[in-house]
Amino acid sequence: MFKNLRILFCILSVACVAVTIFIFVYFLWWGFLPLAGACGFAALMFLCKRMQESEELKKNPPPPAGDFITGKAENKEKKDGE
C-alpha cells in the first residue's frame, strides 16, 4: 500500500512542479501555491517511504550482527552467567 502511495505522491509532486512554471509566468506570485503543494506531496512521499521501510523491517528483521572483535552474534535468550 505504501509503495502505491509513494508513486502517487511522486507523480502529484512532479505535476505540481510542472504547473508551477506556467503559473509563475502568467500569474506571477500565485505560483507559490502549486510550489507549496509540490513540497507537501514530496513530504508525504518521504513519509510513506519511511513507513514502508519500518513495516518491512518489522516483517523481516535483519539477522543478528556479530561483535567486531569475536565475530559471534549475541544470543538474546542467554544471559551472562546462565
PDB file of N, CA and C in Angstrom:
ATOM      1  N   MET A   1       0.817  -1.189   0.000  1.00  0.00           N
ATOM      2  CA  MET A   1       0.000   0.000   0.000  1.00  0.00           C
ATOM      3  C   MET A   1       0.871   1.268   0.000  1.00  0.00           C
ATOM      4  N   PHE A   2       1.907   1.262   0.834  1.00  0.00           N
ATOM      5  CA  PHE A   2       2.757   2.453   0.913  1.00  0.00           C
ATOM      6  C   PHE A   2       3.517   2.681  -0.387  1.00  0.00           C
ATOM      7  N   LYS A   3       3.848   1.596  -1.081  1.00  0.00           N
ATOM      8  CA  LYS A   3       4.559   1.736  -2.345  1.00  0.00           C
ATOM      9  C   LYS A   3       3.684   2.453  -3.365  1.00  0.00           C
ATOM     10  N   ASN A   4       2.408   2.091  -3.415  1.00  0.00           N
ATOM     11  CA  ASN A   4       1.487   2.755  -4.333  1.00  0.00           C
ATOM     12  C   ASN A   4       1.297   4.224  -3.970  1.00  0.00           C
ATOM     13  N   LEU A   5       1.220   4.510  -2.683  1.00  0.00           N
ATOM     14  CA  LEU A   5       1.083   5.903  -2.247  1.00  0.00           C
ATOM     15  C   LEU A   5       2.329   6.711  -2.588  1.00  0.00           C
ATOM     16  N   ARG A   6       3.503   6.090  -2.453  1.00  0.00           N
ATOM     17  CA  ARG A   6       4.741   6.782  -2.818  1.00  0.00           C
ATOM     18  C   ARG A   6       4.735   7.168  -4.288  1.00  0.00           C
ATOM     19  N   ILE A   7       4.316   6.241  -5.138  1.00  0.00           N
ATOM     20  CA  ILE A   7       4.272   6.516  -6.572  1.00  0.00           C
ATOM     21  C   ILE A   7       3.270   7.625  -6.868  1.00  0.00           C
ATOM     22  N   LEU A   8       2.100   7.564  -6.241  1.00  0.00           N
ATOM     23  CA  LEU A   8       1.068   8.578  -6.455  1.00  0.00           C
ATOM     24  C   LEU A   8       1.547   9.958  -6.015  1.00  0.00           C
ATOM     25  N   PHE A   9       2.150  10.052  -4.830  1.00  0.00           N
ATOM     26  CA  PHE A   9       2.622  11.346  -4.336  1.00  0.00           C
ATOM     27  C   PHE A   9       3.775  11.873  -5.181  1.00  0.00           C
ATOM     28  N   CYS A  10       4.609  10.994  -5.714  1.00  0.00           N
ATOM     29  CA  CYS A  10       5.697  11.428  -6.584  1.00  0.00           C
ATOM     30  C   CYS A  10       5.140  12.027  -7.875  1.00  0.00           C
ATOM     31  N   ILE A  11       4.148  11.366  -8.463  1.00  0.00           N
ATOM     32  CA  ILE A  11       3.539  11.874  -9.695  1.00  0.00           C
ATOM     33  C   ILE A  11       2.857  13.220  -9.438  1.00  0.00           C
ATOM     34  N   LEU A  12       2.138  13.335  -8.323  1.00  0.00           N
ATOM     35  CA  LEU A  12       1.469  14.594  -7.993  1.00  0.00           C
ATOM     36  C   LEU A  12       2.482  15.715  -7.744  1.00  0.00           C
ATOM     37  N   SER A  13       3.587  15.388  -7.107  1.00  0.00           N
ATOM     38  CA  SER A  13       4.617  16.392  -6.839  1.00  0.00           C
ATOM     39  C   SER A  13       5.238  16.900  -8.132  1.00  0.00           C
ATOM     40  N   VAL A  14       5.547  15.987  -9.033  1.00  0.00           N
ATOM     41  CA  VAL A  14       6.130  16.386 -10.316  1.00  0.00           C
ATOM     42  C   VAL A  14       5.131  17.196 -11.135  1.00  0.00           C
ATOM     43  N   ALA A  15       3.864  16.820 -11.082  1.00  0.00           N
ATOM     44  CA  ALA A  15       2.832  17.569 -11.807  1.00  0.00           C
ATOM     45  C   ALA A  15       2.707  18.990 -11.254  1.00  0.00           C
ATOM     46  N   CYS A  16       2.768  19.119  -9.933  1.00  0.00           N
ATOM     47  CA  CYS A  16       2.697  20.455  -9.333  1.00  0.00           C
ATOM     48  C   CYS A  16       3.895  21.313  -9.731  1.00  0.00           C
ATOM     49  N   VAL A  17       5.062  20.712  -9.802  1.00  0.00           N
ATOM     50  CA  VAL A  17       6.244  21.471 -10.214  1.00  0.00           C
ATOM     51  C   VAL A  17       6.105  21.920 -11.663  1.00  0.00           C
ATOM     52  N   ALA A  18       5.576  21.047 -12.516  1.00  0.00           N
ATOM     53  CA  ALA A  18       5.399  21.411 -13.925  1.00  0.00           C
ATOM     54  C   ALA A  18       4.392  22.544 -14.079  1.00  0.00           C
ATOM     55  N   VAL A  19       3.331  22.514 -13.303  1.00  0.00           N
ATOM     56  CA  VAL A  19       2.309  23.564 -13.366  1.00  0.00           C
ATOM     57  C   VAL A  19       2.848  24.869 -12.790  1.00  0.00           C
ATOM     58  N   THR A  20       3.730  24.765 -11.813  1.00  0.00           N
ATOM     59  CA  THR A  20       4.285  25.951 -11.155  1.00  0.00           C
ATOM     60  C   THR A  20       4.987  26.864 -12.161  1.00  0.00           C
ATOM     61  N   ILE A  21       5.712  26.289 -13.081  1.00  0.00           N
ATOM     62  CA  ILE A  21       6.458  27.093 -14.056  1.00  0.00           C
ATOM     63  C   ILE A  21       5.506  27.977 -14.857  1.00  0.00           C
ATOM     64  N   PHE A  22       4.413  27.397 -15.353  1.00  0.00           N
ATOM     65  CA  PHE A  22       3.472  28.166 -16.156  1.00  0.00           C
ATOM     66  C   PHE A  22       2.701  29.187 -15.325  1.00  0.00           C
ATOM     67  N   ILE A  23       2.380  28.845 -14.106  1.00  0.00           N
ATOM     68  CA  ILE A  23       1.650  29.795 -13.261  1.00  0.00           C
ATOM     69  C   ILE A  23       2.537  30.982 -12.899  1.00  0.00           C
ATOM     70  N   PHE A  24       3.821  30.745 -12.644  1.00  0.00           N
ATOM     71  CA  PHE A  24       4.733  31.859 -12.378  1.00  0.00           C
ATOM     72  C   PHE A  24       4.840  32.782 -13.597  1.00  0.00           C
ATOM     73  N   VAL A  25       4.820  32.221 -14.788  1.00  0.00           N
ATOM     74  CA  VAL A  25       4.947  33.037 -15.996  1.00  0.00           C
ATOM     75  C   VAL A  25       3.715  33.917 -16.193  1.00  0.00           C
ATOM     76  N   TYR A  26       2.528  33.356 -16.010  1.00  0.00           N
ATOM     77  CA  TYR A  26       1.304  34.100 -16.319  1.00  0.00           C
ATOM     78  C   TYR A  26       0.683  34.811 -15.113  1.00  0.00           C
ATOM     79  N   PHE A  27       0.793  34.248 -13.926  1.00  0.00           N
ATOM     80  CA  PHE A  27       0.111  34.819 -12.768  1.00  0.00           C
ATOM     81  C   PHE A  27       1.061  35.246 -11.647  1.00  0.00           C
ATOM     82  N   LEU A  28       2.346  35.262 -11.933  1.00  0.00           N
ATOM     83  CA  LEU A  28       3.402  35.720 -11.026  1.00  0.00           C
ATOM     84  C   LEU A  28       3.355  35.042  -9.656  1.00  0.00           C
ATOM     85  N   TRP A  29       2.933  35.734  -8.610  1.00  0.00           N
ATOM     86  CA  TRP A  29       3.063  35.235  -7.236  1.00  0.00           C
ATOM     87  C   TRP A  29       2.135  34.079  -6.907  1.00  0.00           C
ATOM     88  N   TRP A  30       1.137  33.827  -7.736  1.00  0.00           N
ATOM     89  CA  TRP A  30       0.257  32.684  -7.485  1.00  0.00           C
ATOM     90  C   TRP A  30       0.984  31.364  -7.708  1.00  0.00           C
ATOM     91  N   GLY A  31       2.155  31.415  -8.251  1.00  0.00           N
ATOM     92  CA  GLY A  31       2.952  30.211  -8.486  1.00  0.00           C
ATOM     93  C   GLY A  31       3.442  29.551  -7.217  1.00  0.00           C
ATOM     94  N   PHE A  32       3.388  30.291  -6.112  1.00  0.00           N
ATOM     95  CA  PHE A  32       3.814  29.687  -4.850  1.00  0.00           C
ATOM     96  C   PHE A  32       2.817  28.656  -4.326  1.00  0.00           C
ATOM     97  N   LEU A  33       1.561  28.737  -4.745  1.00  0.00           N
ATOM     98  CA  LEU A  33       0.574  27.748  -4.290  1.00  0.00           C
ATOM     99  C   LEU A  33       0.889  26.343  -4.800  1.00  0.00           C
ATOM    100  N   PRO A  34       1.070  26.140  -6.104  1.00  0.00           N
ATOM    101  CA  PRO A  34       1.423  24.781  -6.529  1.00  0.00           C
ATOM    102  C   PRO A  34       2.823  24.367  -6.079  1.00  0.00           C
ATOM    103  N   LEU A  35       3.705  25.336  -5.853  1.00  0.00           N
ATOM    104  CA  LEU A  35       5.027  25.007  -5.330  1.00  0.00           C
ATOM    105  C   LEU A  35       4.912  24.466  -3.904  1.00  0.00           C
ATOM    106  N   ALA A  36       4.038  25.074  -3.113  1.00  0.00           N
ATOM    107  CA  ALA A  36       3.792  24.560  -1.764  1.00  0.00           C
ATOM    108  C   ALA A  36       3.141  23.180  -1.830  1.00  0.00           C
ATOM    109  N   GLY A  37       2.249  22.989  -2.798  1.00  0.00           N
ATOM    110  CA  GLY A  37       1.646  21.671  -2.973  1.00  0.00           C
ATOM    111  C   GLY A  37       2.673  20.621  -3.342  1.00  0.00           C
ATOM    112  N   ALA A  38       3.625  20.990  -4.191  1.00  0.00           N
ATOM    113  CA  ALA A  38       4.694  20.057  -4.570  1.00  0.00           C
ATOM    114  C   ALA A  38       5.544  19.686  -3.360  1.00  0.00           C
ATOM    115  N   CYS A  39       5.844  20.667  -2.524  1.00  0.00           N
ATOM    116  CA  CYS A  39       6.614  20.384  -1.311  1.00  0.00           C
ATOM    117  C   CYS A  39       5.827  19.480  -0.364  1.00  0.00           C
ATOM    118  N   GLY A  40       4.534  19.719  -0.254  1.00  0.00           N
ATOM    119  CA  GLY A  40       3.690  18.879   0.596  1.00  0.00           C
ATOM    120  C   GLY A  40       3.608  17.446   0.091  1.00  0.00           C
ATOM    121  N   PHE A  41       3.425  17.275  -1.214  1.00  0.00           N
ATOM    122  CA  PHE A  41       3.364  15.928  -1.774  1.00  0.00           C
ATOM    123  C   PHE A  41       4.708  15.216  -1.652  1.00  0.00           C
ATOM    124  N   ALA A  42       5.808  15.959  -1.795  1.00  0.00           N
ATOM    125  CA  ALA A  42       7.127  15.352  -1.626  1.00  0.00           C
ATOM    126  C   ALA A  42       7.329  14.905  -0.178  1.00  0.00           C
ATOM    127  N   ALA A  43       6.862  15.710   0.772  1.00  0.00           N
ATOM    128  CA  ALA A  43       6.969  15.323   2.180  1.00  0.00           C
ATOM    129  C   ALA A  43       6.141  14.072   2.458  1.00  0.00           C
ATOM    130  N   LEU A  44       4.939  13.989   1.882  1.00  0.00           N
ATOM    131  CA  LEU A  44       4.123  12.792   2.052  1.00  0.00           C
ATOM    132  C   LEU A  44       4.783  11.575   1.416  1.00  0.00           C
ATOM    133  N   MET A  45       5.457  11.779   0.293  1.00  0.00           N
ATOM    134  CA  MET A  45       6.160  10.678  -0.358  1.00  0.00           C
ATOM    135  C   MET A  45       7.271  10.139   0.547  1.00  0.00           C
ATOM    136  N   PHE A  46       8.049  11.027   1.156  1.00  0.00           N
ATOM    137  CA  PHE A  46       9.119  10.580   2.042  1.00  0.00           C
ATOM    138  C   PHE A  46       8.560   9.957   3.319  1.00  0.00           C
ATOM    139  N   LEU A  47       7.430  10.437   3.798  1.00  0.00           N
ATOM    140  CA  LEU A  47       6.789   9.843   4.971  1.00  0.00           C
ATOM    141  C   LEU A  47       6.347   8.414   4.666  1.00  0.00           C
ATOM    142  N   CYS A  48       5.748   8.210   3.498  1.00  0.00           N
ATOM    143  CA  CYS A  48       5.325   6.859   3.108  1.00  0.00           C
ATOM    144  C   CYS A  48       6.525   5.945   2.924  1.00  0.00           C
ATOM    145  N   LYS A  49       7.631   6.495   2.436  1.00  0.00           N
ATOM    146  CA  LYS A  49       8.845   5.690   2.278  1.00  0.00           C
ATOM    147  C   LYS A  49       9.341   5.216   3.631  1.00  0.00           C
ATOM    148  N   ARG A  50       9.376   6.113   4.615  1.00  0.00           N
ATOM    149  CA  ARG A  50       9.831   5.748   5.948  1.00  0.00           C
ATOM    150  C   ARG A  50       8.907   4.720   6.587  1.00  0.00           C
ATOM    151  N   MET A  51       7.601   4.887   6.393  1.00  0.00           N
ATOM    152  CA  MET A  51       6.645   3.935   6.962  1.00  0.00           C
ATOM    153  C   MET A  51       6.761   2.575   6.277  1.00  0.00           C
ATOM    154  N   GLN A  52       6.990   2.553   4.978  1.00  0.00           N
ATOM    155  CA  GLN A  52       7.146   1.297   4.261  1.00  0.00           C
ATOM    156  C   GLN A  52       8.395   0.555   4.739  1.00  0.00           C
ATOM    157  N   GLU A  53       9.492   1.282   4.909  1.00  0.00           N
ATOM    158  CA  GLU A  53      10.723   0.646   5.365  1.00  0.00           C
ATOM    159  C   GLU A  53      10.576   0.097   6.780  1.00  0.00           C
ATOM    160  N   SER A  54       9.895   0.814   7.669  1.00  0.00           N
ATOM    161  CA  SER A  54       9.721   0.313   9.031  1.00  0.00           C
ATOM    162  C   SER A  54       8.789  -0.895   9.051  1.00  0.00           C
ATOM    163  N   GLU A  55       7.783  -0.903   8.188  1.00  0.00           N
ATOM    164  CA  GLU A  55       6.873  -2.053   8.110  1.00  0.00           C
ATOM    165  C   GLU A  55       7.602  -3.284   7.585  1.00  0.00           C
ATOM    166  N   GLU A  56       8.447  -3.105   6.565  1.00  0.00           N
ATOM    167  CA  GLU A  56       9.217  -4.217   6.031  1.00  0.00           C
ATOM    168  C   GLU A  56      10.231  -4.723   7.053  1.00  0.00           C
ATOM    169  N   LEU A  57      10.788  -3.834   7.856  1.00  0.00           N
ATOM    170  CA  LEU A  57      11.738  -4.230   8.884  1.00  0.00           C
ATOM    171  C   LEU A  57      11.049  -5.037   9.975  1.00  0.00           C
ATOM    172  N   LYS A  58       9.796  -4.714  10.294  1.00  0.00           N
ATOM    173  CA  LYS A  58       9.050  -5.487  11.291  1.00  0.00           C
ATOM    174  C   LYS A  58       8.739  -6.883  10.776  1.00  0.00           C
ATOM    175  N   LYS A  59       8.415  -6.989   9.486  1.00  0.00           N
ATOM    176  CA  LYS A  59       8.081  -8.293   8.915  1.00  0.00           C
ATOM    177  C   LYS A  59       9.319  -9.177   8.755  1.00  0.00           C
ATOM    178  N   ASN A  60      10.424  -8.604   8.323  1.00  0.00           N
ATOM    179  CA  ASN A  60      11.665  -9.342   8.093  1.00  0.00           C
ATOM    180  C   ASN A  60      12.813  -8.667   8.824  1.00  0.00           C
ATOM    181  N   PRO A  61      13.003  -8.980  10.120  1.00  0.00           N
ATOM    182  CA  PRO A  61      14.106  -8.338  10.839  1.00  0.00           C
ATOM    183  C   PRO A  61      15.450  -8.837  10.320  1.00  0.00           C
ATOM    184  N   PRO A  62      16.471  -7.989  10.382  1.00  0.00           N
ATOM    185  CA  PRO A  62      17.791  -8.408   9.896  1.00  0.00           C
ATOM    186  C   PRO A  62      18.387  -9.452  10.835  1.00  0.00           C
ATOM    187  N   PRO A  63      19.288 -10.287  10.327  1.00  0.00           N
ATOM    188  CA  PRO A  63      19.943 -11.271  11.199  1.00  0.00           C
ATOM    189  C   PRO A  63      20.825 -10.548  12.214  1.00  0.00           C
ATOM    190  N   PRO A  64      21.036 -11.192  13.365  1.00  0.00           N
ATOM    191  CA  PRO A  64      21.866 -10.529  14.378  1.00  0.00           C
ATOM    192  C   PRO A  64      23.296 -10.352  13.880  1.00  0.00           C
ATOM    193  N   ALA A  65      23.844  -9.191  14.170  1.00  0.00           N
ATOM    194  CA  ALA A  65      25.211  -8.882  13.745  1.00  0.00           C
ATOM    195  C   ALA A  65      26.176  -9.283  14.850  1.00  0.00           C
ATOM    196  N   GLY A  66      27.327  -9.759  14.452  1.00  0.00           N
ATOM    197  CA  GLY A  66      28.328 -10.180  15.428  1.00  0.00           C
ATOM    198  C   GLY A  66      29.153  -9.018  15.934  1.00  0.00           C
ATOM    199  N   ASP A  67      29.892  -9.305  16.977  1.00  0.00           N
ATOM    200  CA  ASP A  67      30.805  -8.333  17.545  1.00  0.00           C
ATOM    201  C   ASP A  67      32.024  -8.233  16.641  1.00  0.00           C
ATOM    202  N   PHE A  68      32.602  -7.065  16.498  1.00  0.00           N
ATOM    203  CA  PHE A  68      33.717  -6.907  15.567  1.00  0.00           C
ATOM    204  C   PHE A  68      34.997  -7.551  16.093  1.00  0.00           C
ATOM    205  N   ILE A  69      35.062  -7.869  17.381  1.00  0.00           N
ATOM    206  CA  ILE A  69      36.258  -8.500  17.933  1.00  0.00           C
ATOM    207  C   ILE A  69      36.139 -10.020  17.872  1.00  0.00           C
ATOM    208  N   THR A  70      35.048 -10.561  18.415  1.00  0.00           N
ATOM    209  CA  THR A  70      34.901 -12.016  18.480  1.00  0.00           C
ATOM    210  C   THR A  70      34.232 -12.578  17.237  1.00  0.00           C
ATOM    211  N   GLY A  71      33.404 -11.799  16.566  1.00  0.00           N
ATOM    212  CA  GLY A  71      32.725 -12.270  15.375  1.00  0.00           C
ATOM    213  C   GLY A  71      31.483 -13.080  15.666  1.00  0.00           C
ATOM    214  N   LYS A  72      31.145 -13.267  16.927  1.00  0.00           N
ATOM    215  CA  LYS A  72      29.980 -14.059  17.290  1.00  0.00           C
ATOM    216  C   LYS A  72      28.806 -13.136  17.586  1.00  0.00           C
ATOM    217  N   ALA A  73      27.619 -13.575  17.159  1.00  0.00           N
ATOM    218  CA  ALA A  73      26.412 -12.817  17.452  1.00  0.00           C
ATOM    219  C   ALA A  73      25.940 -13.163  18.849  1.00  0.00           C
ATOM    220  N   GLU A  74      25.467 -12.179  19.564  1.00  0.00           N
ATOM    221  CA  GLU A  74      24.988 -12.381  20.916  1.00  0.00           C
ATOM    222  C   GLU A  74      23.594 -12.972  20.867  1.00  0.00           C
ATOM    223  N   ASN A  75      23.388 -14.040  21.624  1.00  0.00           N
ATOM    224  CA  ASN A  75      22.080 -14.671  21.693  1.00  0.00           C
ATOM    225  C   ASN A  75      21.283 -13.973  22.777  1.00  0.00           C
ATOM    226  N   LYS A  76      20.128 -13.435  22.440  1.00  0.00           N
ATOM    227  CA  LYS A  76      19.354 -12.671  23.404  1.00  0.00           C
ATOM    228  C   LYS A  76      18.699 -13.555  24.465  1.00  0.00           C
ATOM    229  N   GLU A  77      18.527 -14.844  24.178  1.00  0.00           N
ATOM    230  CA  GLU A  77      17.903 -15.733  25.150  1.00  0.00           C
ATOM    231  C   GLU A  77      18.869 -16.070  26.291  1.00  0.00           C
ATOM    232  N   LYS A  78      20.163 -16.168  26.000  1.00  0.00           N
ATOM    233  CA  LYS A  78      21.136 -16.492  27.019  1.00  0.00           C
ATOM    234  C   LYS A  78      21.646 -15.207  27.669  1.00  0.00           C
ATOM    235  N   LYS A  79      21.772 -15.244  28.964  1.00  0.00           N
ATOM    236  CA  LYS A  79      22.336 -14.121  29.701  1.00  0.00           C
ATOM    237  C   LYS A  79      23.722 -14.523  30.205  1.00  0.00           C
ATOM    238  N   ASP A  80      24.535 -13.551  30.528  1.00  0.00           N
ATOM    239  CA  ASP A  80      25.849 -13.854  31.089  1.00  0.00           C
ATOM    240  C   ASP A  80      25.679 -14.516  32.452  1.00  0.00           C
ATOM    241  N   GLY A  81      26.349 -15.621  32.667  1.00  0.00           N
ATOM    242  CA  GLY A  81      26.277 -16.322  33.939  1.00  0.00           C
ATOM    243  C   GLY A  81      25.216 -17.401  33.970  1.00  0.00           C
ATOM    244  N   GLU A  82      24.457 -17.584  32.931  1.00  0.00           N
ATOM    245  CA  GLU A  82      23.433 -18.638  32.908  1.00  0.00           C
ATOM    246  C   GLU A  82      23.905 -19.793  32.091  1.00  0.00           C
TER     247      GLU A  82
END
